[in-house]
Amino acid sequence: MKANRKKIPIGKFPLRLMPSVRRVAEEFSLKEGVSLNQFINVAVAEKLVHLQHEAWLASRPEPSSAIVSRGLAALDRPAINPPDPWDELPDEFESIRISEEYKKAARSE
């Protein structure tokens, strides 16, 4: 009796690239110090991550005004540690949240 064996996919995939695309990919792979195979693997992985992120953004629910309000309230809480000198806001900075336009928009949500 034969055992049901699942076929294990082979890691090889013949890929045909236009000569101009291959030439540019080879140039960049040399600059990056990686093989053309590794360069193409990373390029495909980056594209897949981008597509997955777009799909996630399209499928997630819109944030409710309650969630936005809670987030803004968290940002308004005083920090435990003061900001580093290079992270401080300039003296002339004025938060948009104190403007009448913002308050009016916040009330309408």
N, C-alpha and C. Protein backbone atom coordinates (compact mmCIF):
# COMPACT_ATOMS: atom_id res chain seq x y z
N MET A 1 0.84 -1.18 0.00
CA MET A 1 0.00 0.00 0.00
C MET A 1 0.89 1.25 0.00
N LYS A 2 0.59 2.15 -0.93
CA LYS A 2 1.37 3.37 -1.04
C LYS A 2 0.90 4.39 0.00
N ALA A 3 1.83 5.05 0.60
CA ALA A 3 1.49 6.13 1.54
C ALA A 3 1.22 7.39 0.74
N ASN A 4 0.26 8.15 1.20
CA ASN A 4 -0.03 9.43 0.56
C ASN A 4 1.07 10.42 0.92
N ARG A 5 1.87 10.75 -0.06
CA ARG A 5 2.95 11.69 0.18
C ARG A 5 2.60 13.02 -0.46
N LYS A 6 2.78 14.05 0.33
CA LYS A 6 2.57 15.39 -0.21
C LYS A 6 3.82 15.80 -0.96
N LYS A 7 3.60 16.44 -2.09
CA LYS A 7 4.74 16.94 -2.84
C LYS A 7 5.32 18.16 -2.15
N ILE A 8 6.59 18.14 -1.97
CA ILE A 8 7.28 19.27 -1.36
C ILE A 8 7.70 20.20 -2.49
N PRO A 9 7.28 21.46 -2.41
CA PRO A 9 7.64 22.38 -3.49
C PRO A 9 9.15 22.60 -3.54
N ILE A 10 9.67 22.61 -4.73
CA ILE A 10 11.09 22.86 -4.92
C ILE A 10 11.30 24.38 -4.92
N GLY A 11 12.39 24.81 -4.34
CA GLY A 11 12.66 26.23 -4.23
C GLY A 11 13.07 26.90 -5.52
N LYS A 12 13.12 26.16 -6.60
CA LYS A 12 13.53 26.76 -7.86
C LYS A 12 12.31 27.24 -8.63
N PHE A 13 12.47 28.39 -9.26
CA PHE A 13 11.39 28.96 -10.05
C PHE A 13 12.01 29.66 -11.25
N PRO A 14 11.79 29.10 -12.44
CA PRO A 14 12.38 29.76 -13.61
C PRO A 14 11.72 31.12 -13.83
N LEU A 15 12.51 32.13 -13.97
CA LEU A 15 11.99 33.48 -14.10
C LEU A 15 12.57 34.11 -15.36
N ARG A 16 11.70 34.61 -16.19
CA ARG A 16 12.15 35.32 -17.39
C ARG A 16 11.98 36.81 -17.16
N LEU A 17 13.05 37.51 -17.27
CA LEU A 17 13.03 38.97 -17.13
C LEU A 17 13.36 39.58 -18.48
N MET A 18 12.77 40.72 -18.74
CA MET A 18 13.17 41.47 -19.93
C MET A 18 14.65 41.81 -19.77
N PRO A 19 15.40 41.81 -20.85
CA PRO A 19 16.84 42.08 -20.75
C PRO A 19 17.15 43.40 -20.04
N SER A 20 16.37 44.44 -20.31
CA SER A 20 16.64 45.73 -19.66
C SER A 20 16.40 45.66 -18.16
N VAL A 21 15.36 44.93 -17.75
CA VAL A 21 15.06 44.79 -16.32
C VAL A 21 16.16 43.98 -15.65
N ARG A 22 16.57 42.90 -16.30
CA ARG A 22 17.62 42.07 -15.73
C ARG A 22 18.92 42.87 -15.58
N ARG A 23 19.25 43.65 -16.59
CA ARG A 23 20.49 44.44 -16.56
C ARG A 23 20.47 45.41 -15.36
N VAL A 24 19.37 46.10 -15.18
CA VAL A 24 19.28 47.06 -14.06
C VAL A 24 19.30 46.32 -12.73
N ALA A 25 18.59 45.19 -12.66
CA ALA A 25 18.59 44.41 -11.42
C ALA A 25 19.98 43.90 -11.10
N GLU A 26 20.71 43.46 -12.11
CA GLU A 26 22.09 43.00 -11.89
C GLU A 26 22.97 44.14 -11.39
N GLU A 27 22.80 45.33 -11.97
CA GLU A 27 23.60 46.48 -11.53
C GLU A 27 23.33 46.79 -10.06
N PHE A 28 22.06 46.82 -9.68
CA PHE A 28 21.74 47.13 -8.29
C PHE A 28 22.16 46.02 -7.34
N SER A 29 22.06 44.77 -7.78
CA SER A 29 22.49 43.68 -6.91
C SER A 29 23.99 43.76 -6.66
N LEU A 30 24.74 44.15 -7.69
CA LEU A 30 26.19 44.33 -7.51
C LEU A 30 26.48 45.47 -6.53
N LYS A 31 25.74 46.58 -6.68
CA LYS A 31 25.93 47.71 -5.75
C LYS A 31 25.59 47.32 -4.32
N GLU A 32 24.57 46.46 -4.16
CA GLU A 32 24.15 46.02 -2.83
C GLU A 32 25.06 44.91 -2.29
N GLY A 33 25.85 44.32 -3.17
CA GLY A 33 26.76 43.25 -2.74
C GLY A 33 26.06 41.93 -2.49
N VAL A 34 24.96 41.69 -3.21
CA VAL A 34 24.23 40.43 -3.07
C VAL A 34 24.05 39.80 -4.45
N SER A 35 23.68 38.54 -4.45
CA SER A 35 23.45 37.87 -5.72
C SER A 35 22.17 38.40 -6.36
N LEU A 36 22.05 38.18 -7.65
CA LEU A 36 20.82 38.58 -8.34
C LEU A 36 19.62 37.85 -7.75
N ASN A 37 19.80 36.58 -7.42
CA ASN A 37 18.73 35.80 -6.81
C ASN A 37 18.27 36.44 -5.49
N GLN A 38 19.22 36.79 -4.63
CA GLN A 38 18.89 37.41 -3.35
C GLN A 38 18.22 38.76 -3.57
N PHE A 39 18.71 39.52 -4.51
CA PHE A 39 18.13 40.83 -4.80
C PHE A 39 16.66 40.69 -5.23
N ILE A 40 16.39 39.73 -6.12
CA ILE A 40 15.01 39.51 -6.58
C ILE A 40 14.14 39.01 -5.44
N ASN A 41 14.67 38.12 -4.59
CA ASN A 41 13.92 37.65 -3.42
C ASN A 41 13.49 38.81 -2.54
N VAL A 42 14.41 39.71 -2.25
CA VAL A 42 14.10 40.86 -1.39
C VAL A 42 13.09 41.78 -2.08
N ALA A 43 13.26 42.00 -3.37
CA ALA A 43 12.33 42.87 -4.11
C ALA A 43 10.91 42.30 -4.08
N VAL A 44 10.79 41.01 -4.30
CA VAL A 44 9.46 40.37 -4.26
C VAL A 44 8.89 40.44 -2.84
N ALA A 45 9.73 40.18 -1.83
CA ALA A 45 9.26 40.25 -0.45
C ALA A 45 8.77 41.65 -0.10
N GLU A 46 9.49 42.68 -0.52
CA GLU A 46 9.08 44.06 -0.26
C GLU A 46 7.74 44.37 -0.93
N LYS A 47 7.57 43.90 -2.15
CA LYS A 47 6.31 44.14 -2.86
C LYS A 47 5.16 43.42 -2.16
N LEU A 48 5.39 42.18 -1.70
CA LEU A 48 4.34 41.44 -1.01
C LEU A 48 3.94 42.12 0.30
N VAL A 49 4.91 42.61 1.03
CA VAL A 49 4.61 43.33 2.28
C VAL A 49 3.76 44.56 1.97
N HIS A 50 4.10 45.27 0.92
CA HIS A 50 3.33 46.46 0.52
C HIS A 50 1.88 46.07 0.19
N LEU A 51 1.71 45.01 -0.59
CA LEU A 51 0.37 44.56 -0.96
C LEU A 51 -0.42 44.07 0.25
N GLN A 52 0.24 43.35 1.15
CA GLN A 52 -0.43 42.89 2.37
C GLN A 52 -0.87 44.07 3.22
N HIS A 53 -0.03 45.09 3.31
CA HIS A 53 -0.39 46.27 4.10
C HIS A 53 -1.59 46.99 3.50
N GLU A 54 -1.59 47.12 2.17
CA GLU A 54 -2.73 47.74 1.51
C GLU A 54 -4.01 46.96 1.76
N ALA A 55 -3.93 45.62 1.71
CA ALA A 55 -5.10 44.78 1.96
C ALA A 55 -5.58 44.95 3.40
N TRP A 56 -4.62 45.03 4.34
CA TRP A 56 -4.99 45.22 5.74
C TRP A 56 -5.67 46.59 5.94
N LEU A 57 -5.12 47.63 5.32
CA LEU A 57 -5.72 48.95 5.43
C LEU A 57 -7.14 48.97 4.88
N ALA A 58 -7.35 48.27 3.77
CA ALA A 58 -8.67 48.26 3.15
C ALA A 58 -9.68 47.48 3.99
N SER A 59 -9.21 46.50 4.76
CA SER A 59 -10.15 45.64 5.50
C SER A 59 -10.38 46.07 6.94
N ARG A 60 -9.55 46.96 7.45
CA ARG A 60 -9.72 47.34 8.86
C ARG A 60 -10.90 48.29 9.00
N PRO A 61 -11.56 48.25 10.14
CA PRO A 61 -12.69 49.16 10.34
C PRO A 61 -12.21 50.60 10.51
N GLU A 62 -13.05 51.52 10.11
CA GLU A 62 -12.73 52.93 10.30
C GLU A 62 -12.71 53.24 11.80
N PRO A 63 -11.76 54.05 12.24
CA PRO A 63 -11.73 54.38 13.66
C PRO A 63 -12.95 55.23 14.05
N SER A 64 -13.52 54.89 15.17
CA SER A 64 -14.68 55.66 15.64
C SER A 64 -14.19 56.95 16.29
N SER A 65 -15.10 57.89 16.47
CA SER A 65 -14.70 59.15 17.12
C SER A 65 -14.29 58.90 18.56
N ALA A 66 -14.87 57.86 19.20
CA ALA A 66 -14.48 57.54 20.57
C ALA A 66 -13.03 57.08 20.63
N ILE A 67 -12.61 56.27 19.66
CA ILE A 67 -11.23 55.80 19.63
C ILE A 67 -10.28 56.96 19.36
N VAL A 68 -10.66 57.83 18.43
CA VAL A 68 -9.83 59.00 18.13
C VAL A 68 -9.73 59.90 19.36
N SER A 69 -10.83 60.10 20.06
CA SER A 69 -10.81 60.94 21.26
C SER A 69 -9.91 60.35 22.34
N ARG A 70 -9.98 59.03 22.52
CA ARG A 70 -9.11 58.38 23.51
C ARG A 70 -7.64 58.54 23.12
N GLY A 71 -7.35 58.42 21.83
CA GLY A 71 -5.97 58.59 21.37
C GLY A 71 -5.47 60.00 21.61
N LEU A 72 -6.30 60.98 21.28
CA LEU A 72 -5.91 62.38 21.51
C LEU A 72 -5.74 62.67 22.99
N ALA A 73 -6.60 62.09 23.82
CA ALA A 73 -6.48 62.29 25.27
C ALA A 73 -5.16 61.71 25.77
N ALA A 74 -4.77 60.57 25.23
CA ALA A 74 -3.50 59.97 25.63
C ALA A 74 -2.33 60.86 25.24
N LEU A 75 -2.43 61.50 24.08
CA LEU A 75 -1.36 62.40 23.64
C LEU A 75 -1.31 63.67 24.49
N ASP A 76 -2.44 64.05 25.07
CA ASP A 76 -2.48 65.27 25.89
C ASP A 76 -1.94 65.05 27.31
N ARG A 77 -1.84 63.79 27.74
CA ARG A 77 -1.34 63.53 29.10
C ARG A 77 0.11 63.99 29.22
N PRO A 78 0.47 64.52 30.38
CA PRO A 78 1.86 64.95 30.55
C PRO A 78 2.80 63.75 30.47
N ALA A 79 3.95 63.97 29.91
CA ALA A 79 4.94 62.91 29.78
C ALA A 79 5.62 62.64 31.11
N ILE A 80 6.03 61.41 31.31
CA ILE A 80 6.76 61.06 32.53
C ILE A 80 8.14 61.69 32.49
N ASN A 81 8.78 61.60 31.33
CA ASN A 81 10.11 62.16 31.15
C ASN A 81 10.02 63.37 30.23
N PRO A 82 10.79 64.39 30.51
CA PRO A 82 10.77 65.55 29.60
C PRO A 82 11.38 65.16 28.25
N PRO A 83 11.00 65.86 27.18
CA PRO A 83 11.59 65.54 25.87
C PRO A 83 13.08 65.88 25.85
N ASP A 84 13.80 65.17 25.02
CA ASP A 84 15.20 65.50 24.81
C ASP A 84 15.28 66.90 24.19
N PRO A 85 16.38 67.60 24.36
CA PRO A 85 16.48 68.97 23.85
C PRO A 85 16.14 69.10 22.36
N TRP A 86 16.50 68.11 21.56
CA TRP A 86 16.24 68.21 20.12
C TRP A 86 14.81 67.79 19.75
N ASP A 87 14.03 67.30 20.74
CA ASP A 87 12.66 66.89 20.49
C ASP A 87 11.62 67.91 20.96
N GLU A 88 12.06 69.00 21.52
CA GLU A 88 11.12 69.99 22.02
C GLU A 88 10.47 70.73 20.86
N LEU A 89 9.23 71.16 21.08
CA LEU A 89 8.53 71.94 20.06
C LEU A 89 9.06 73.37 20.08
N PRO A 90 9.09 74.02 18.93
CA PRO A 90 9.55 75.41 18.91
C PRO A 90 8.59 76.30 19.72
N ASP A 91 9.10 77.40 20.24
CA ASP A 91 8.29 78.30 21.06
C ASP A 91 7.06 78.82 20.33
N GLU A 92 7.17 79.03 19.01
CA GLU A 92 6.05 79.58 18.24
C GLU A 92 5.01 78.52 17.86
N PHE A 93 5.24 77.26 18.22
CA PHE A 93 4.30 76.19 17.87
C PHE A 93 2.98 76.39 18.61
N GLU A 94 1.90 76.22 17.87
CA GLU A 94 0.56 76.30 18.47
C GLU A 94 -0.23 75.09 18.00
N SER A 95 -0.75 74.35 18.93
CA SER A 95 -1.49 73.13 18.60
C SER A 95 -2.75 73.47 17.83
N ILE A 96 -3.03 72.66 16.82
CA ILE A 96 -4.25 72.85 16.04
C ILE A 96 -5.48 72.56 16.89
N ARG A 97 -5.29 71.75 17.95
CA ARG A 97 -6.44 71.36 18.77
C ARG A 97 -7.01 72.51 19.61
N ILE A 98 -6.32 73.63 19.69
CA ILE A 98 -6.89 74.75 20.43
C ILE A 98 -7.59 75.73 19.50
N SER A 99 -7.55 75.46 18.20
CA SER A 99 -8.21 76.34 17.24
C SER A 99 -9.72 76.10 17.25
N GLU A 100 -10.48 77.13 16.94
CA GLU A 100 -11.94 77.01 16.89
C GLU A 100 -12.37 76.05 15.79
N GLU A 101 -11.66 76.06 14.68
CA GLU A 101 -11.99 75.17 13.57
C GLU A 101 -11.90 73.70 14.00
N TYR A 102 -10.85 73.38 14.76
CA TYR A 102 -10.69 72.00 15.24
C TYR A 102 -11.80 71.65 16.23
N LYS A 103 -12.07 72.54 17.16
CA LYS A 103 -13.10 72.27 18.17
C LYS A 103 -14.45 72.08 17.51
N LYS A 104 -14.75 72.87 16.50
CA LYS A 104 -16.01 72.74 15.79
C LYS A 104 -16.08 71.38 15.07
N ALA A 105 -15.00 70.98 14.43
CA ALA A 105 -14.97 69.70 13.74
C ALA A 105 -15.10 68.56 14.72
N ALA A 106 -14.46 68.68 15.88
CA ALA A 106 -14.51 67.62 16.90
C ALA A 106 -15.93 67.47 17.44
N ARG A 107 -16.65 68.57 17.58
CA ARG A 107 -18.03 68.51 18.09
C ARG A 107 -18.96 67.86 17.08
N SER A 108 -18.69 68.00 15.80
CA SER A 108 -19.59 67.49 14.76
C SER A 108 -19.44 65.98 14.57
N GLU A 109 -18.39 65.37 15.10
CA GLU A 109 -18.20 63.91 14.93
C GLU A 109 -19.05 63.11 15.85
